[in-house]
């Protein structure tokens, strides 16, 4: 079994163009990092697909898919450019912020 990665994130949504901005951390980095996402199919909520970018030791990019799975819970998947699953997670929205956890 490889190294297990578990982390937490938050995203806020720009109501003008739908961009997401947020922070994340995980058990391997131990420090908060910035992640940004540009919508591919904008909606009035957090749901949809986004081009997302962040920096660990180097710049990373992926497609972020956010689905509402019931009235309060969201499912997130970060997909690499080859269609492979990088991370998956769940979150909830409180005070217009999407808060959640992710893992590898």
N, C-alpha and C. Protein backbone atom coordinates (compact mmCIF):
# COMPACT_ATOMS: atom_id res chain seq x y z
N UNK A 1 0.85 -1.19 0.00
CA UNK A 1 0.00 0.00 0.00
C UNK A 1 0.88 1.24 0.00
N UNK A 2 0.54 2.23 -0.84
CA UNK A 2 1.32 3.46 -0.95
C UNK A 2 0.98 4.44 0.15
N UNK A 3 1.57 5.61 0.02
CA UNK A 3 1.31 6.68 0.98
C UNK A 3 -0.13 7.16 0.84
N UNK A 4 -0.81 7.29 1.95
CA UNK A 4 -2.19 7.77 1.96
C UNK A 4 -2.18 9.29 2.08
N UNK A 5 -2.92 9.96 1.21
CA UNK A 5 -3.03 11.40 1.25
C UNK A 5 -4.46 11.76 1.64
N UNK A 6 -4.59 12.57 2.68
CA UNK A 6 -5.89 13.07 3.14
C UNK A 6 -5.74 14.57 3.37
N UNK A 7 -6.69 15.34 2.88
CA UNK A 7 -6.59 16.77 3.03
C UNK A 7 -7.94 17.44 3.18
N UNK A 8 -7.91 18.76 3.35
CA UNK A 8 -9.11 19.58 3.48
C UNK A 8 -8.99 20.78 2.55
N UNK A 9 -10.13 21.34 2.15
CA UNK A 9 -10.14 22.47 1.23
C UNK A 9 -11.31 23.40 1.55
N UNK A 10 -11.23 24.60 0.97
CA UNK A 10 -12.36 25.51 0.93
C UNK A 10 -12.32 26.25 -0.39
N UNK A 11 -13.49 26.57 -0.93
CA UNK A 11 -13.62 27.36 -2.15
C UNK A 11 -14.67 28.43 -1.94
N UNK A 12 -14.39 29.63 -2.43
CA UNK A 12 -15.41 30.66 -2.56
C UNK A 12 -15.64 30.88 -4.05
N UNK A 13 -16.83 31.34 -4.37
CA UNK A 13 -17.21 31.52 -5.78
C UNK A 13 -17.40 32.99 -6.08
N UNK A 14 -16.76 33.45 -7.16
CA UNK A 14 -16.94 34.81 -7.65
C UNK A 14 -18.27 34.86 -8.39
N UNK A 15 -19.21 35.66 -7.93
CA UNK A 15 -20.55 35.70 -8.53
C UNK A 15 -20.59 36.41 -9.88
N UNK A 16 -19.51 37.05 -10.29
CA UNK A 16 -19.49 37.73 -11.58
C UNK A 16 -19.17 36.75 -12.71
N UNK A 17 -18.07 36.00 -12.57
CA UNK A 17 -17.68 35.09 -13.65
C UNK A 17 -17.65 33.61 -13.23
N UNK A 18 -17.95 33.32 -11.98
CA UNK A 18 -18.03 31.93 -11.53
C UNK A 18 -16.72 31.28 -11.15
N UNK A 19 -15.61 32.04 -11.17
CA UNK A 19 -14.32 31.47 -10.77
C UNK A 19 -14.35 31.05 -9.31
N UNK A 20 -13.61 29.99 -9.01
CA UNK A 20 -13.44 29.55 -7.63
C UNK A 20 -12.04 29.90 -7.17
N UNK A 21 -11.92 30.29 -5.93
CA UNK A 21 -10.60 30.47 -5.32
C UNK A 21 -10.66 29.88 -3.92
N UNK A 22 -9.56 29.28 -3.51
CA UNK A 22 -9.57 28.65 -2.21
C UNK A 22 -8.21 28.22 -1.74
N UNK A 23 -8.23 27.48 -0.67
CA UNK A 23 -7.00 26.96 -0.06
C UNK A 23 -7.19 25.49 0.26
N UNK A 24 -6.09 24.78 0.33
CA UNK A 24 -6.12 23.38 0.72
C UNK A 24 -4.88 23.06 1.52
N UNK A 25 -4.94 21.99 2.27
CA UNK A 25 -3.76 21.43 2.91
C UNK A 25 -3.99 19.94 3.05
N UNK A 26 -2.90 19.21 3.26
CA UNK A 26 -3.03 17.76 3.43
C UNK A 26 -1.96 17.25 4.38
N UNK A 27 -2.02 15.98 4.69
CA UNK A 27 -1.12 15.39 5.67
C UNK A 27 0.32 15.31 5.16
N UNK A 28 0.58 15.54 3.88
CA UNK A 28 1.95 15.50 3.36
C UNK A 28 2.60 16.87 3.30
N UNK A 29 1.82 17.94 3.04
CA UNK A 29 2.41 19.28 2.94
C UNK A 29 2.45 19.98 4.29
N UNK A 30 1.37 19.89 5.06
CA UNK A 30 1.31 20.52 6.36
C UNK A 30 1.16 22.03 6.33
N UNK A 31 1.10 22.64 5.14
CA UNK A 31 0.90 24.08 5.03
C UNK A 31 -0.24 24.34 4.04
N UNK A 32 -0.93 25.46 4.22
CA UNK A 32 -2.01 25.83 3.32
C UNK A 32 -1.45 26.30 1.98
N UNK A 33 -2.09 25.86 0.90
CA UNK A 33 -1.72 26.25 -0.46
C UNK A 33 -2.95 26.81 -1.16
N UNK A 34 -2.73 27.57 -2.23
CA UNK A 34 -3.82 28.21 -2.98
C UNK A 34 -4.21 27.34 -4.18
N UNK A 35 -5.52 27.27 -4.44
CA UNK A 35 -6.04 26.62 -5.64
C UNK A 35 -7.06 27.55 -6.28
N UNK A 36 -7.02 27.67 -7.61
CA UNK A 36 -7.98 28.48 -8.34
C UNK A 36 -8.62 27.62 -9.43
N UNK A 37 -9.85 27.96 -9.82
CA UNK A 37 -10.56 27.19 -10.83
C UNK A 37 -11.42 28.11 -11.69
N UNK A 38 -11.36 27.88 -13.01
CA UNK A 38 -12.14 28.64 -13.98
C UNK A 38 -13.23 27.73 -14.54
N UNK A 39 -14.49 28.19 -14.55
CA UNK A 39 -15.58 27.31 -14.99
C UNK A 39 -15.53 26.99 -16.48
N UNK A 40 -15.81 25.72 -16.81
CA UNK A 40 -15.98 25.31 -18.20
C UNK A 40 -17.44 25.41 -18.62
N UNK A 41 -18.34 25.19 -17.67
CA UNK A 41 -19.79 25.30 -17.91
C UNK A 41 -20.41 25.99 -16.70
N UNK A 42 -20.35 27.33 -16.66
CA UNK A 42 -20.78 28.08 -15.47
C UNK A 42 -22.23 27.81 -15.08
N UNK A 43 -22.45 27.76 -13.77
CA UNK A 43 -23.78 27.66 -13.21
C UNK A 43 -23.90 28.74 -12.14
N UNK A 44 -25.05 28.82 -11.52
CA UNK A 44 -25.23 29.80 -10.45
C UNK A 44 -24.82 29.23 -9.09
N UNK A 45 -24.37 27.99 -9.09
CA UNK A 45 -23.95 27.32 -7.86
C UNK A 45 -22.50 26.88 -8.03
N UNK A 46 -22.02 26.04 -7.12
CA UNK A 46 -20.67 25.49 -7.22
C UNK A 46 -20.59 24.35 -8.23
N UNK A 47 -21.72 23.77 -8.59
CA UNK A 47 -21.71 22.60 -9.45
C UNK A 47 -21.18 22.92 -10.85
N UNK A 48 -20.58 21.92 -11.49
CA UNK A 48 -20.08 22.09 -12.84
C UNK A 48 -18.67 21.56 -12.98
N UNK A 49 -18.07 21.86 -14.13
CA UNK A 49 -16.69 21.46 -14.40
C UNK A 49 -15.82 22.69 -14.51
N UNK A 50 -14.60 22.56 -14.02
CA UNK A 50 -13.67 23.68 -13.94
C UNK A 50 -12.28 23.24 -14.40
N UNK A 51 -11.54 24.17 -14.99
CA UNK A 51 -10.09 24.00 -15.14
C UNK A 51 -9.50 24.53 -13.84
N UNK A 52 -8.72 23.70 -13.15
CA UNK A 52 -8.19 24.10 -11.86
C UNK A 52 -6.67 24.00 -11.85
N UNK A 53 -6.04 24.84 -11.04
CA UNK A 53 -4.58 24.86 -10.93
C UNK A 53 -4.18 25.12 -9.49
N UNK A 54 -3.07 24.51 -9.08
CA UNK A 54 -2.51 24.70 -7.75
C UNK A 54 -1.03 24.40 -7.81
N UNK A 55 -0.34 24.69 -6.74
CA UNK A 55 1.10 24.45 -6.68
C UNK A 55 1.41 23.62 -5.45
N UNK A 56 2.04 22.48 -5.67
CA UNK A 56 2.66 21.70 -4.58
C UNK A 56 4.14 21.98 -4.70
N UNK A 57 4.93 21.02 -5.09
CA UNK A 57 6.34 21.27 -5.37
C UNK A 57 6.50 21.93 -6.74
N UNK A 58 5.52 21.72 -7.62
CA UNK A 58 5.47 22.39 -8.92
C UNK A 58 4.01 22.65 -9.27
N UNK A 59 3.79 23.33 -10.40
CA UNK A 59 2.42 23.69 -10.80
C UNK A 59 1.67 22.44 -11.27
N UNK A 60 0.44 22.28 -10.81
CA UNK A 60 -0.42 21.17 -11.19
C UNK A 60 -1.71 21.71 -11.80
N UNK A 61 -2.28 20.97 -12.74
CA UNK A 61 -3.56 21.33 -13.33
C UNK A 61 -4.43 20.08 -13.44
N UNK A 62 -5.73 20.29 -13.48
CA UNK A 62 -6.68 19.18 -13.61
C UNK A 62 -8.04 19.75 -14.00
N UNK A 63 -8.95 18.85 -14.31
CA UNK A 63 -10.36 19.20 -14.46
C UNK A 63 -11.04 18.84 -13.14
N UNK A 64 -11.71 19.82 -12.56
CA UNK A 64 -12.44 19.62 -11.31
C UNK A 64 -13.92 19.49 -11.63
N UNK A 65 -14.51 18.40 -11.21
CA UNK A 65 -15.95 18.16 -11.39
C UNK A 65 -16.63 18.23 -10.03
N UNK A 66 -17.66 19.07 -9.92
CA UNK A 66 -18.40 19.21 -8.66
C UNK A 66 -19.87 18.90 -8.94
N UNK A 67 -20.39 17.90 -8.21
CA UNK A 67 -21.79 17.51 -8.34
C UNK A 67 -22.48 17.65 -7.00
N UNK A 68 -23.72 18.11 -7.03
CA UNK A 68 -24.54 18.14 -5.82
C UNK A 68 -25.20 16.77 -5.71
N UNK A 69 -24.93 16.05 -4.61
CA UNK A 69 -25.47 14.70 -4.49
C UNK A 69 -26.71 14.63 -3.59
N UNK A 70 -27.00 15.69 -2.88
CA UNK A 70 -28.29 15.87 -2.20
C UNK A 70 -28.40 17.35 -1.88
N UNK A 71 -29.32 17.77 -1.11
CA UNK A 71 -29.51 19.20 -0.89
C UNK A 71 -28.34 19.90 -0.22
N UNK A 72 -27.51 19.17 0.50
CA UNK A 72 -26.43 19.83 1.24
C UNK A 72 -25.03 19.30 0.91
N UNK A 73 -24.91 18.13 0.31
CA UNK A 73 -23.60 17.51 0.10
C UNK A 73 -23.18 17.56 -1.36
N UNK A 74 -21.87 17.82 -1.58
CA UNK A 74 -21.29 17.87 -2.91
C UNK A 74 -20.22 16.80 -3.05
N UNK A 75 -20.09 16.25 -4.25
CA UNK A 75 -19.02 15.30 -4.57
C UNK A 75 -18.06 16.00 -5.52
N UNK A 76 -16.75 15.88 -5.24
CA UNK A 76 -15.73 16.51 -6.07
C UNK A 76 -14.77 15.45 -6.60
N UNK A 77 -14.35 15.63 -7.85
CA UNK A 77 -13.34 14.76 -8.45
C UNK A 77 -12.36 15.63 -9.24
N UNK A 78 -11.06 15.42 -9.00
CA UNK A 78 -10.01 16.08 -9.74
C UNK A 78 -9.46 15.05 -10.73
N UNK A 79 -9.57 15.34 -12.03
CA UNK A 79 -9.21 14.41 -13.10
C UNK A 79 -8.01 14.97 -13.86
N UNK A 80 -6.99 14.13 -14.09
CA UNK A 80 -5.82 14.59 -14.84
C UNK A 80 -6.12 14.63 -16.34
N UNK A 81 -5.15 15.13 -17.13
CA UNK A 81 -5.39 15.31 -18.57
C UNK A 81 -5.48 14.00 -19.34
N UNK A 82 -5.18 12.88 -18.72
CA UNK A 82 -5.32 11.57 -19.35
C UNK A 82 -6.62 10.88 -18.91
N UNK A 83 -7.43 11.58 -18.11
CA UNK A 83 -8.70 11.02 -17.65
C UNK A 83 -8.60 10.21 -16.37
N UNK A 84 -7.43 10.22 -15.73
CA UNK A 84 -7.25 9.49 -14.48
C UNK A 84 -7.69 10.29 -13.26
N UNK A 85 -8.20 9.59 -12.28
CA UNK A 85 -8.65 10.23 -11.04
C UNK A 85 -7.45 10.57 -10.16
N UNK A 86 -7.26 11.87 -9.90
CA UNK A 86 -6.18 12.33 -9.01
C UNK A 86 -6.62 12.29 -7.55
N UNK A 87 -7.77 12.92 -7.28
CA UNK A 87 -8.32 13.02 -5.93
C UNK A 87 -9.84 12.94 -6.02
N UNK A 88 -10.47 12.56 -4.93
CA UNK A 88 -11.91 12.65 -4.80
C UNK A 88 -12.24 13.14 -3.41
N UNK A 89 -13.39 13.79 -3.27
CA UNK A 89 -13.75 14.32 -1.97
C UNK A 89 -15.22 14.67 -1.88
N UNK A 90 -15.59 15.18 -0.73
CA UNK A 90 -16.95 15.63 -0.47
C UNK A 90 -16.90 16.94 0.28
N UNK A 91 -17.98 17.72 0.15
CA UNK A 91 -18.04 18.99 0.85
C UNK A 91 -19.46 19.45 1.08
N UNK A 92 -19.58 20.52 1.86
CA UNK A 92 -20.85 21.18 2.11
C UNK A 92 -20.64 22.69 1.98
N UNK A 93 -21.71 23.40 1.70
CA UNK A 93 -21.65 24.86 1.60
C UNK A 93 -22.24 25.47 2.85
N UNK A 94 -21.46 26.32 3.50
CA UNK A 94 -21.95 27.12 4.62
C UNK A 94 -21.43 28.54 4.44
N UNK A 95 -22.30 29.52 4.64
CA UNK A 95 -21.93 30.93 4.49
C UNK A 95 -21.25 31.20 3.16
N UNK A 96 -21.76 30.60 2.08
CA UNK A 96 -21.28 30.78 0.71
C UNK A 96 -19.86 30.29 0.48
N UNK A 97 -19.39 29.38 1.33
CA UNK A 97 -18.07 28.76 1.17
C UNK A 97 -18.27 27.24 1.08
N UNK A 98 -17.63 26.61 0.09
CA UNK A 98 -17.64 25.16 -0.03
C UNK A 98 -16.47 24.62 0.78
N UNK A 99 -16.76 23.88 1.85
CA UNK A 99 -15.78 23.30 2.75
C UNK A 99 -15.80 21.79 2.57
N UNK A 100 -14.64 21.16 2.63
CA UNK A 100 -14.66 19.71 2.51
C UNK A 100 -13.33 19.03 2.73
N UNK A 101 -13.32 17.75 2.42
CA UNK A 101 -12.12 16.94 2.53
C UNK A 101 -11.89 16.23 1.19
N UNK A 102 -10.64 15.81 0.98
CA UNK A 102 -10.33 15.04 -0.22
C UNK A 102 -9.29 13.98 0.14
N UNK A 103 -9.16 12.99 -0.73
CA UNK A 103 -8.16 11.95 -0.51
C UNK A 103 -7.73 11.38 -1.85
N UNK A 104 -6.66 10.62 -1.78
CA UNK A 104 -6.12 9.99 -2.97
C UNK A 104 -6.29 8.50 -2.86
